[in-house]
Amino acid sequence: MPAMMIDLPDDVYDRVRDRASERGVSPQQEVVEIVSRHSNGENGDSLAAARLRMQQLFDSVHGFRMIPRIAREELYERGRVR
């Protein structure tokens, strides 16, 4: 398969290069893995699963209240030691 060149904005390339360096792979390998994951739908499935779990957690919490109630002025008071 012939190689393909793509142009990336400098900031995007820098992030890919940094991430690849952290993982010990080349920037090209990092891009291939990102594109492969995205095209296989892995990120979409993971995101959907995370959103479902988050919704389940939110649905399981009932009657959450902050007691004692703190006045807004007190909450945002700076430099006060209790």
PDB file of N, CA and C in Angstrom:
ATOM      1  N   MET A   1       0.846  -1.164   0.000  1.00  0.00           N
ATOM      2  CA  MET A   1       0.000   0.000   0.000  1.00  0.00           C
ATOM      3  C   MET A   1       0.899   1.237   0.000  1.00  0.00           C
ATOM      4  N   PRO A   2       0.641   2.178  -0.888  1.00  0.00           N
ATOM      5  CA  PRO A   2       1.493   3.364  -0.943  1.00  0.00           C
ATOM      6  C   PRO A   2       1.256   4.253   0.280  1.00  0.00           C
ATOM      7  N   ALA A   3       2.314   4.946   0.670  1.00  0.00           N
ATOM      8  CA  ALA A   3       2.208   5.863   1.807  1.00  0.00           C
ATOM      9  C   ALA A   3       1.419   7.097   1.390  1.00  0.00           C
ATOM     10  N   MET A   4       0.735   7.673   2.357  1.00  0.00           N
ATOM     11  CA  MET A   4      -0.051   8.878   2.099  1.00  0.00           C
ATOM     12  C   MET A   4       0.459   9.985   3.012  1.00  0.00           C
ATOM     13  N   MET A   5       0.558  11.175   2.484  1.00  0.00           N
ATOM     14  CA  MET A   5       0.943  12.314   3.313  1.00  0.00           C
ATOM     15  C   MET A   5      -0.293  13.122   3.655  1.00  0.00           C
ATOM     16  N   ILE A   6      -0.356  13.551   4.895  1.00  0.00           N
ATOM     17  CA  ILE A   6      -1.415  14.461   5.310  1.00  0.00           C
ATOM     18  C   ILE A   6      -0.768  15.627   6.040  1.00  0.00           C
ATOM     19  N   ASP A   7      -1.393  16.767   5.954  1.00  0.00           N
ATOM     20  CA  ASP A   7      -0.912  17.947   6.668  1.00  0.00           C
ATOM     21  C   ASP A   7      -1.707  18.102   7.949  1.00  0.00           C
ATOM     22  N   LEU A   8      -0.982  18.262   9.055  1.00  0.00           N
ATOM     23  CA  LEU A   8      -1.612  18.499  10.347  1.00  0.00           C
ATOM     24  C   LEU A   8      -1.207  19.883  10.834  1.00  0.00           C
ATOM     25  N   PRO A   9      -2.106  20.591  11.476  1.00  0.00           N
ATOM     26  CA  PRO A   9      -1.706  21.856  12.098  1.00  0.00           C
ATOM     27  C   PRO A   9      -0.598  21.584  13.115  1.00  0.00           C
ATOM     28  N   ASP A  10       0.274  22.564  13.299  1.00  0.00           N
ATOM     29  CA  ASP A  10       1.426  22.381  14.182  1.00  0.00           C
ATOM     30  C   ASP A  10       1.026  21.949  15.590  1.00  0.00           C
ATOM     31  N   ASP A  11      -0.028  22.545  16.144  1.00  0.00           N
ATOM     32  CA  ASP A  11      -0.416  22.197  17.513  1.00  0.00           C
ATOM     33  C   ASP A  11      -0.907  20.756  17.606  1.00  0.00           C
ATOM     34  N   VAL A  12      -1.598  20.290  16.575  1.00  0.00           N
ATOM     35  CA  VAL A  12      -2.078  18.898  16.560  1.00  0.00           C
ATOM     36  C   VAL A  12      -0.887  17.950  16.451  1.00  0.00           C
ATOM     37  N   TYR A  13       0.045  18.262  15.547  1.00  0.00           N
ATOM     38  CA  TYR A  13       1.228  17.415  15.387  1.00  0.00           C
ATOM     39  C   TYR A  13       2.019  17.364  16.688  1.00  0.00           C
ATOM     40  N   ASP A  14       2.159  18.511  17.372  1.00  0.00           N
ATOM     41  CA  ASP A  14       2.907  18.532  18.629  1.00  0.00           C
ATOM     42  C   ASP A  14       2.265  17.616  19.669  1.00  0.00           C
ATOM     43  N   ARG A  15       0.933  17.639  19.746  1.00  0.00           N
ATOM     44  CA  ARG A  15       0.244  16.759  20.709  1.00  0.00           C
ATOM     45  C   ARG A  15       0.433  15.289  20.352  1.00  0.00           C
ATOM     46  N   VAL A  16       0.334  14.979  19.057  1.00  0.00           N
ATOM     47  CA  VAL A  16       0.531  13.593  18.612  1.00  0.00           C
ATOM     48  C   VAL A  16       1.968  13.155  18.901  1.00  0.00           C
ATOM     49  N   ARG A  17       2.930  14.015  18.594  1.00  0.00           N
ATOM     50  CA  ARG A  17       4.335  13.690  18.824  1.00  0.00           C
ATOM     51  C   ARG A  17       4.594  13.460  20.309  1.00  0.00           C
ATOM     52  N   ASP A  18       4.042  14.337  21.171  1.00  0.00           N
ATOM     53  CA  ASP A  18       4.240  14.191  22.618  1.00  0.00           C
ATOM     54  C   ASP A  18       3.616  12.901  23.138  1.00  0.00           C
ATOM     55  N   ARG A  19       2.404  12.609  22.684  1.00  0.00           N
ATOM     56  CA  ARG A  19       1.726  11.382  23.120  1.00  0.00           C
ATOM     57  C   ARG A  19       2.492  10.146  22.639  1.00  0.00           C
ATOM     58  N   ALA A  20       2.964  10.194  21.400  1.00  0.00           N
ATOM     59  CA  ALA A  20       3.732   9.070  20.861  1.00  0.00           C
ATOM     60  C   ALA A  20       5.015   8.869  21.653  1.00  0.00           C
ATOM     61  N   SER A  21       5.667   9.959  21.999  1.00  0.00           N
ATOM     62  CA  SER A  21       6.904   9.877  22.772  1.00  0.00           C
ATOM     63  C   SER A  21       6.653   9.244  24.135  1.00  0.00           C
ATOM     64  N   GLU A  22       5.560   9.640  24.785  1.00  0.00           N
ATOM     65  CA  GLU A  22       5.206   9.055  26.087  1.00  0.00           C
ATOM     66  C   GLU A  22       4.981   7.555  25.985  1.00  0.00           C
ATOM     67  N   ARG A  23       4.428   7.121  24.861  1.00  0.00           N
ATOM     68  CA  ARG A  23       4.122   5.699  24.679  1.00  0.00           C
ATOM     69  C   ARG A  23       5.271   4.922  24.048  1.00  0.00           C
ATOM     70  N   GLY A  24       6.309   5.627  23.603  1.00  0.00           N
ATOM     71  CA  GLY A  24       7.461   4.963  23.015  1.00  0.00           C
ATOM     72  C   GLY A  24       7.230   4.472  21.590  1.00  0.00           C
ATOM     73  N   VAL A  25       6.376   5.173  20.842  1.00  0.00           N
ATOM     74  CA  VAL A  25       6.123   4.815  19.446  1.00  0.00           C
ATOM     75  C   VAL A  25       6.387   6.041  18.579  1.00  0.00           C
ATOM     76  N   SER A  26       6.425   5.839  17.284  1.00  0.00           N
ATOM     77  CA  SER A  26       6.644   6.961  16.367  1.00  0.00           C
ATOM     78  C   SER A  26       5.342   7.742  16.198  1.00  0.00           C
ATOM     79  N   PRO A  27       5.451   9.012  15.817  1.00  0.00           N
ATOM     80  CA  PRO A  27       4.227   9.774  15.548  1.00  0.00           C
ATOM     81  C   PRO A  27       3.357   9.108  14.477  1.00  0.00           C
ATOM     82  N   GLN A  28       3.984   8.506  13.484  1.00  0.00           N
ATOM     83  CA  GLN A  28       3.222   7.814  12.437  1.00  0.00           C
ATOM     84  C   GLN A  28       2.416   6.663  13.031  1.00  0.00           C
ATOM     85  N   GLN A  29       3.051   5.863  13.902  1.00  0.00           N
ATOM     86  CA  GLN A  29       2.343   4.754  14.532  1.00  0.00           C
ATOM     87  C   GLN A  29       1.184   5.264  15.392  1.00  0.00           C
ATOM     88  N   GLU A  30       1.408   6.383  16.078  1.00  0.00           N
ATOM     89  CA  GLU A  30       0.362   6.959  16.921  1.00  0.00           C
ATOM     90  C   GLU A  30      -0.840   7.377  16.071  1.00  0.00           C
ATOM     91  N   VAL A  31      -0.569   8.036  14.940  1.00  0.00           N
ATOM     92  CA  VAL A  31      -1.653   8.467  14.054  1.00  0.00           C
ATOM     93  C   VAL A  31      -2.400   7.255  13.506  1.00  0.00           C
ATOM     94  N   VAL A  32      -1.672   6.224  13.107  1.00  0.00           N
ATOM     95  CA  VAL A  32      -2.309   5.012  12.575  1.00  0.00           C
ATOM     96  C   VAL A  32      -3.224   4.394  13.627  1.00  0.00           C
ATOM     97  N   GLU A  33      -2.758   4.315  14.878  1.00  0.00           N
ATOM     98  CA  GLU A  33      -3.577   3.734  15.942  1.00  0.00           C
ATOM     99  C   GLU A  33      -4.816   4.583  16.219  1.00  0.00           C
ATOM    100  N   ILE A  34      -4.653   5.909  16.233  1.00  0.00           N
ATOM    101  CA  ILE A  34      -5.794   6.792  16.485  1.00  0.00           C
ATOM    102  C   ILE A  34      -6.834   6.639  15.386  1.00  0.00           C
ATOM    103  N   VAL A  35      -6.382   6.668  14.143  1.00  0.00           N
ATOM    104  CA  VAL A  35      -7.314   6.554  13.014  1.00  0.00           C
ATOM    105  C   VAL A  35      -7.972   5.175  13.011  1.00  0.00           C
ATOM    106  N   SER A  36      -7.207   4.136  13.305  1.00  0.00           N
ATOM    107  CA  SER A  36      -7.769   2.778  13.330  1.00  0.00           C
ATOM    108  C   SER A  36      -8.836   2.644  14.408  1.00  0.00           C
ATOM    109  N   ARG A  37      -8.534   3.162  15.611  1.00  0.00           N
ATOM    110  CA  ARG A  37      -9.517   3.102  16.701  1.00  0.00           C
ATOM    111  C   ARG A  37     -10.779   3.850  16.326  1.00  0.00           C
ATOM    112  N   HIS A  38     -10.597   5.018  15.760  1.00  0.00           N
ATOM    113  CA  HIS A  38     -11.750   5.840  15.405  1.00  0.00           C
ATOM    114  C   HIS A  38     -12.581   5.184  14.301  1.00  0.00           C
ATOM    115  N   SER A  39     -11.929   4.629  13.306  1.00  0.00           N
ATOM    116  CA  SER A  39     -12.657   4.033  12.185  1.00  0.00           C
ATOM    117  C   SER A  39     -13.331   2.723  12.573  1.00  0.00           C
ATOM    118  N   ASN A  40     -12.822   2.069  13.625  1.00  0.00           N
ATOM    119  CA  ASN A  40     -13.449   0.826  14.097  1.00  0.00           C
ATOM    120  C   ASN A  40     -14.588   1.092  15.061  1.00  0.00           C
ATOM    121  N   GLY A  41     -14.781   2.350  15.440  1.00  0.00           N
ATOM    122  CA  GLY A  41     -15.880   2.684  16.331  1.00  0.00           C
ATOM    123  C   GLY A  41     -15.619   2.398  17.796  1.00  0.00           C
ATOM    124  N   GLU A  42     -14.379   2.082  18.170  1.00  0.00           N
ATOM    125  CA  GLU A  42     -14.100   1.764  19.567  1.00  0.00           C
ATOM    126  C   GLU A  42     -14.395   2.953  20.471  1.00  0.00           C
ATOM    127  N   ASN A  43     -14.006   4.143  20.034  1.00  0.00           N
ATOM    128  CA  ASN A  43     -14.245   5.321  20.862  1.00  0.00           C
ATOM    129  C   ASN A  43     -15.735   5.563  21.036  1.00  0.00           C
ATOM    130  N   GLY A  44     -16.502   5.381  19.987  1.00  0.00           N
ATOM    131  CA  GLY A  44     -17.942   5.589  20.075  1.00  0.00           C
ATOM    132  C   GLY A  44     -18.594   4.611  21.033  1.00  0.00           C
ATOM    133  N   ASP A  45     -18.179   3.342  20.989  1.00  0.00           N
ATOM    134  CA  ASP A  45     -18.737   2.338  21.895  1.00  0.00           C
ATOM    135  C   ASP A  45     -18.365   2.640  23.336  1.00  0.00           C
ATOM    136  N   SER A  46     -17.121   3.025  23.561  1.00  0.00           N
ATOM    137  CA  SER A  46     -16.675   3.355  24.914  1.00  0.00           C
ATOM    138  C   SER A  46     -17.412   4.568  25.438  1.00  0.00           C
ATOM    139  N   LEU A  47     -17.580   5.556  24.599  1.00  0.00           N
ATOM    140  CA  LEU A  47     -18.281   6.768  25.004  1.00  0.00           C
ATOM    141  C   LEU A  47     -19.736   6.470  25.330  1.00  0.00           C
ATOM    142  N   ALA A  48     -20.382   5.677  24.514  1.00  0.00           N
ATOM    143  CA  ALA A  48     -21.777   5.309  24.772  1.00  0.00           C
ATOM    144  C   ALA A  48     -21.898   4.541  26.081  1.00  0.00           C
ATOM    145  N   ALA A  49     -20.982   3.632  26.337  1.00  0.00           N
ATOM    146  CA  ALA A  49     -21.004   2.859  27.576  1.00  0.00           C
ATOM    147  C   ALA A  49     -20.779   3.768  28.787  1.00  0.00           C
ATOM    148  N   ALA A  50     -19.851   4.716  28.660  1.00  0.00           N
ATOM    149  CA  ALA A  50     -19.577   5.644  29.758  1.00  0.00           C
ATOM    150  C   ALA A  50     -20.788   6.533  30.028  1.00  0.00           C
ATOM    151  N   ARG A  51     -21.429   7.005  28.961  1.00  0.00           N
ATOM    152  CA  ARG A  51     -22.617   7.845  29.146  1.00  0.00           C
ATOM    153  C   ARG A  51     -23.750   7.066  29.806  1.00  0.00           C
ATOM    154  N   LEU A  52     -23.926   5.808  29.413  1.00  0.00           N
ATOM    155  CA  LEU A  52     -24.958   4.975  30.016  1.00  0.00           C
ATOM    156  C   LEU A  52     -24.677   4.771  31.501  1.00  0.00           C
ATOM    157  N   ARG A  53     -23.430   4.462  31.845  1.00  0.00           N
ATOM    158  CA  ARG A  53     -23.055   4.256  33.246  1.00  0.00           C
ATOM    159  C   ARG A  53     -23.257   5.528  34.057  1.00  0.00           C
ATOM    160  N   MET A  54     -22.891   6.674  33.482  1.00  0.00           N
ATOM    161  CA  MET A  54     -23.073   7.940  34.167  1.00  0.00           C
ATOM    162  C   MET A  54     -24.554   8.209  34.423  1.00  0.00           C
ATOM    163  N   GLN A  55     -25.395   7.934  33.441  1.00  0.00           N
ATOM    164  CA  GLN A  55     -26.829   8.132  33.606  1.00  0.00           C
ATOM    165  C   GLN A  55     -27.382   7.210  34.688  1.00  0.00           C
ATOM    166  N   GLN A  56     -26.891   5.962  34.723  1.00  0.00           N
ATOM    167  CA  GLN A  56     -27.323   5.035  35.760  1.00  0.00           C
ATOM    168  C   GLN A  56     -26.931   5.537  37.145  1.00  0.00           C
ATOM    169  N   LEU A  57     -25.727   6.088  37.258  1.00  0.00           N
ATOM    170  CA  LEU A  57     -25.289   6.635  38.548  1.00  0.00           C
ATOM    171  C   LEU A  57     -26.145   7.820  38.960  1.00  0.00           C
ATOM    172  N   PHE A  58     -26.416   8.722  38.018  1.00  0.00           N
ATOM    173  CA  PHE A  58     -27.257   9.867  38.333  1.00  0.00           C
ATOM    174  C   PHE A  58     -28.653   9.424  38.745  1.00  0.00           C
ATOM    175  N   ASP A  59     -29.190   8.420  38.068  1.00  0.00           N
ATOM    176  CA  ASP A  59     -30.525   7.932  38.395  1.00  0.00           C
ATOM    177  C   ASP A  59     -30.576   7.259  39.762  1.00  0.00           C
ATOM    178  N   SER A  60     -29.446   6.727  40.231  1.00  0.00           N
ATOM    179  CA  SER A  60     -29.430   6.010  41.508  1.00  0.00           C
ATOM    180  C   SER A  60     -29.322   6.939  42.713  1.00  0.00           C
ATOM    181  N   VAL A  61     -28.972   8.206  42.489  1.00  0.00           N
ATOM    182  CA  VAL A  61     -28.826   9.153  43.593  1.00  0.00           C
ATOM    183  C   VAL A  61     -30.117   9.947  43.723  1.00  0.00           C
ATOM    184  N   HIS A  62     -30.740   9.830  44.883  1.00  0.00           N
ATOM    185  CA  HIS A  62     -31.997  10.541  45.125  1.00  0.00           C
ATOM    186  C   HIS A  62     -31.883  11.343  46.417  1.00  0.00           C
ATOM    187  N   GLY A  63     -32.445  12.520  46.394  1.00  0.00           N
ATOM    188  CA  GLY A  63     -32.528  13.314  47.613  1.00  0.00           C
ATOM    189  C   GLY A  63     -31.207  13.865  48.101  1.00  0.00           C
ATOM    190  N   PHE A  64     -30.271  14.096  47.225  1.00  0.00           N
ATOM    191  CA  PHE A  64     -28.994  14.666  47.648  1.00  0.00           C
ATOM    192  C   PHE A  64     -29.227  16.106  48.087  1.00  0.00           C
ATOM    193  N   ARG A  65     -28.766  16.428  49.280  1.00  0.00           N
ATOM    194  CA  ARG A  65     -28.905  17.791  49.787  1.00  0.00           C
ATOM    195  C   ARG A  65     -27.636  18.199  50.494  1.00  0.00           C
ATOM    196  N   MET A  66     -27.350  19.473  50.424  1.00  0.00           N
ATOM    197  CA  MET A  66     -26.196  19.997  51.128  1.00  0.00           C
ATOM    198  C   MET A  66     -26.688  20.554  52.458  1.00  0.00           C
ATOM    199  N   ILE A  67     -26.333  19.887  53.531  1.00  0.00           N
ATOM    200  CA  ILE A  67     -26.757  20.311  54.861  1.00  0.00           C
ATOM    201  C   ILE A  67     -25.502  20.466  55.704  1.00  0.00           C
ATOM    202  N   PRO A  68     -25.264  21.492  56.399  1.00  0.00           N
ATOM    203  CA  PRO A  68     -26.103  22.682  56.484  1.00  0.00           C
ATOM    204  C   PRO A  68     -25.973  23.534  55.225  1.00  0.00           C
ATOM    205  N   ARG A  69     -27.003  24.261  54.950  1.00  0.00           N
ATOM    206  CA  ARG A  69     -27.000  25.135  53.777  1.00  0.00           C
ATOM    207  C   ARG A  69     -26.061  26.312  54.041  1.00  0.00           C
ATOM    208  N   ILE A  70     -25.151  26.557  53.100  1.00  0.00           N
ATOM    209  CA  ILE A  70     -24.173  27.631  53.238  1.00  0.00           C
ATOM    210  C   ILE A  70     -24.594  28.777  52.334  1.00  0.00           C
ATOM    211  N   ALA A  71     -24.639  29.961  52.907  1.00  0.00           N
ATOM    212  CA  ALA A  71     -25.003  31.141  52.127  1.00  0.00           C
ATOM    213  C   ALA A  71     -23.946  31.397  51.062  1.00  0.00           C
ATOM    214  N   ARG A  72     -24.377  31.891  49.930  1.00  0.00           N
ATOM    215  CA  ARG A  72     -23.461  32.147  48.822  1.00  0.00           C
ATOM    216  C   ARG A  72     -22.330  33.080  49.241  1.00  0.00           C
ATOM    217  N   GLU A  73     -22.659  34.121  50.002  1.00  0.00           N
ATOM    218  CA  GLU A  73     -21.646  35.073  50.439  1.00  0.00           C
ATOM    219  C   GLU A  73     -20.563  34.375  51.264  1.00  0.00           C
ATOM    220  N   GLU A  74     -20.963  33.475  52.132  1.00  0.00           N
ATOM    221  CA  GLU A  74     -20.011  32.742  52.956  1.00  0.00           C
ATOM    222  C   GLU A  74     -19.189  31.762  52.133  1.00  0.00           C
ATOM    223  N   LEU A  75     -19.844  31.143  51.162  1.00  0.00           N
ATOM    224  CA  LEU A  75     -19.172  30.172  50.313  1.00  0.00           C
ATOM    225  C   LEU A  75     -18.032  30.804  49.530  1.00  0.00           C
ATOM    226  N   TYR A  76     -18.239  32.015  49.053  1.00  0.00           N
ATOM    227  CA  TYR A  76     -17.239  32.674  48.217  1.00  0.00           C
ATOM    228  C   TYR A  76     -16.343  33.640  48.977  1.00  0.00           C
ATOM    229  N   GLU A  77     -16.451  33.648  50.286  1.00  0.00           N
ATOM    230  CA  GLU A  77     -15.604  34.531  51.090  1.00  0.00           C
ATOM    231  C   GLU A  77     -14.158  34.033  51.006  1.00  0.00           C
ATOM    232  N   ARG A  78     -13.261  34.917  50.679  1.00  0.00           N
ATOM    233  CA  ARG A  78     -11.861  34.540  50.472  1.00  0.00           C
ATOM    234  C   ARG A  78     -11.041  34.789  51.746  1.00  0.00           C
ATOM    235  N   GLY A  79     -10.070  33.940  51.976  1.00  0.00           N
ATOM    236  CA  GLY A  79      -9.113  34.155  53.044  1.00  0.00           C
ATOM    237  C   GLY A  79      -9.642  33.912  54.439  1.00  0.00           C
ATOM    238  N   ARG A  80     -10.766  33.359  54.570  1.00  0.00           N
ATOM    239  CA  ARG A  80     -11.345  33.109  55.894  1.00  0.00           C
ATOM    240  C   ARG A  80     -10.957  31.723  56.367  1.00  0.00           C
ATOM    241  N   VAL A  81     -10.444  31.631  57.562  1.00  0.00           N
ATOM    242  CA  VAL A  81     -10.075  30.342  58.142  1.00  0.00           C
ATOM    243  C   VAL A  81     -11.144  29.984  59.151  1.00  0.00           C
ATOM    244  N   ARG A  82     -11.632  28.771  59.064  1.00  0.00           N
ATOM    245  CA  ARG A  82     -12.676  28.338  59.993  1.00  0.00           C
ATOM    246  C   ARG A  82     -12.084  27.624  61.161  1.00  0.00           C
TER     247      ARG A  82
END
